[in-house]
């Protein structure tokens, strides 16, 4: 499942700067259209595209968590590919308390990232 989701996303973001001038990219989200404000994932495509180019400062400016999420995506694809080649399933098991902590940390990071876009970056 990871490969099915992340490989097309990374391919799309790799080609983003070629696709965008040709109007072959996605329009803003429904949230942005309704509110005029970015949703929590707004800018993720562009930050991945800038990370592909090696322009980490611009990637961070567009989406502060972007380069970290890009690296995590690459690691997830490699791990899923290795598990596929080995014929094993890829699974991560956490103690319920640790899982809850991971969810809280990820949710907090996403919220802070979104707030930084709304407040600090002036969106």
Protein backbone atom coordinates (compact mmCIF):
# COMPACT_ATOMS: atom_id res chain seq x y z
CA UNK A 1 0.00 0.00 0.00
CA UNK A 2 2.87 2.38 0.80
CA UNK A 3 4.35 1.87 -2.64
CA UNK A 4 0.99 2.44 -4.34
CA UNK A 5 0.56 5.79 -2.56
CA UNK A 6 4.06 7.21 -2.27
CA UNK A 7 5.69 6.26 -5.59
CA UNK A 8 3.12 8.19 -7.70
CA UNK A 9 3.30 11.13 -5.25
CA UNK A 10 7.07 11.32 -5.52
CA UNK A 11 6.93 10.93 -9.31
CA UNK A 12 4.36 13.75 -9.53
CA UNK A 13 6.41 16.04 -7.29
CA UNK A 14 9.57 15.25 -9.25
CA UNK A 15 7.82 16.47 -12.42
CA UNK A 16 5.93 19.32 -10.73
CA UNK A 17 7.98 22.22 -12.15
CA UNK A 18 7.58 20.78 -15.66
CA UNK A 19 3.85 20.09 -15.22
CA UNK A 20 2.84 23.36 -13.54
CA UNK A 21 3.50 25.77 -16.47
CA UNK A 22 1.46 23.44 -18.68
CA UNK A 23 -1.54 23.60 -16.30
CA UNK A 24 -1.19 19.89 -15.53
CA UNK A 25 -1.13 20.25 -11.74
CA UNK A 26 -3.96 20.04 -9.22
CA UNK A 27 -6.03 23.08 -8.33
CA UNK A 28 -6.14 24.35 -4.74
CA UNK A 29 -8.06 22.23 -2.25
CA UNK A 30 -11.73 22.64 -1.42
CA UNK A 31 -10.69 24.05 1.97
CA UNK A 32 -8.61 26.76 0.29
CA UNK A 33 -11.37 27.49 -2.19
CA UNK A 34 -13.97 27.89 0.58
CA UNK A 35 -11.89 29.76 3.18
CA UNK A 36 -9.09 31.43 1.24
CA UNK A 37 -6.68 29.87 3.75
CA UNK A 38 -4.36 26.91 3.23
CA UNK A 39 -5.33 23.52 4.62
CA UNK A 40 -2.84 21.63 6.84
CA UNK A 41 -1.21 19.92 3.84
CA UNK A 42 -1.18 22.94 1.52
CA UNK A 43 2.28 23.36 0.03
CA UNK A 44 3.35 19.75 0.46
CA UNK A 45 3.60 19.17 -3.31
CA UNK A 46 5.75 22.26 -3.83
CA UNK A 47 7.97 21.50 -0.84
CA UNK A 48 8.63 18.00 -2.21
CA UNK A 49 9.39 19.53 -5.62
CA UNK A 50 11.86 22.00 -4.07
CA UNK A 51 13.42 19.19 -2.04
CA UNK A 52 13.93 17.21 -5.28
CA UNK A 53 15.82 20.24 -6.61
CA UNK A 54 17.94 20.43 -3.46
CA UNK A 55 16.52 23.86 -2.55
CA UNK A 56 15.90 23.11 1.12
CA UNK A 57 15.49 26.73 2.19
CA UNK A 58 12.65 27.27 -0.28
CA UNK A 59 11.19 23.89 0.66
CA UNK A 60 11.14 24.87 4.34
CA UNK A 61 9.69 28.27 3.49
CA UNK A 62 6.80 26.66 1.59
CA UNK A 63 6.11 23.90 4.15
CA UNK A 64 8.36 23.77 7.23
CA UNK A 65 7.93 20.01 7.79
CA UNK A 66 8.28 19.23 4.09
CA UNK A 67 11.89 18.07 3.80
CA UNK A 68 11.46 15.82 6.84
CA UNK A 69 8.30 14.30 5.34
CA UNK A 70 10.10 13.89 2.01
CA UNK A 71 12.92 11.98 3.72
CA UNK A 72 10.41 9.84 5.63
CA UNK A 73 8.62 9.06 2.35
CA UNK A 74 11.85 7.92 0.70
CA UNK A 75 12.71 5.74 3.71
CA UNK A 76 9.19 4.25 3.68
CA UNK A 77 9.45 3.45 -0.04
CA UNK A 78 12.84 1.78 0.39
CA UNK A 79 11.59 -0.24 3.39
CA UNK A 80 8.43 -1.28 1.53
CA UNK A 81 10.46 -2.22 -1.56
CA UNK A 82 12.87 -4.34 0.47
CA UNK A 83 10.01 -6.09 2.26
CA UNK A 84 8.31 -6.73 -1.10
CA UNK A 85 11.50 -8.24 -2.56
CA UNK A 86 11.95 -10.41 0.53
CA UNK A 87 8.32 -11.50 0.40
CA UNK A 88 7.59 -10.22 3.89
CA UNK A 89 4.98 -7.79 5.10
CA UNK A 90 6.04 -4.40 6.39
CA UNK A 91 4.58 -3.62 9.79
CA UNK A 92 5.51 -1.48 12.74
CA UNK A 93 4.17 -2.40 16.16
CA UNK A 94 4.04 0.05 19.04
CA UNK A 95 2.87 -0.33 22.60
CA UNK A 96 -0.52 1.45 22.85
CA UNK A 97 0.97 4.20 25.06
CA UNK A 98 3.82 4.78 22.62
CA UNK A 99 1.38 4.78 19.69
CA UNK A 100 -0.73 7.42 21.45
CA UNK A 101 2.39 9.51 22.07
CA UNK A 102 3.42 9.19 18.40
CA UNK A 103 -0.06 10.31 17.29
CA UNK A 104 0.01 13.29 19.66
CA UNK A 105 3.50 14.30 18.49
CA UNK A 106 2.59 13.97 14.81
CA UNK A 107 -0.67 15.86 15.31
CA UNK A 108 1.12 18.60 17.24
CA UNK A 109 3.82 18.90 14.58
CA UNK A 110 1.16 19.16 11.85
CA UNK A 111 -0.77 21.77 13.85
CA UNK A 112 2.36 23.84 14.51
CA UNK A 113 3.34 23.57 10.86
CA UNK A 114 -0.12 24.78 9.81
CA UNK A 115 -0.08 27.62 12.34
CA UNK A 116 3.33 28.70 11.07
CA UNK A 117 1.88 28.92 7.57
CA UNK A 118 -1.11 30.91 8.79
CA UNK A 119 0.71 33.25 11.17
CA UNK A 120 4.46 33.42 10.52
CA UNK A 121 4.37 32.95 6.76
CA UNK A 122 1.36 35.26 6.48
CA UNK A 123 -1.05 33.03 4.61
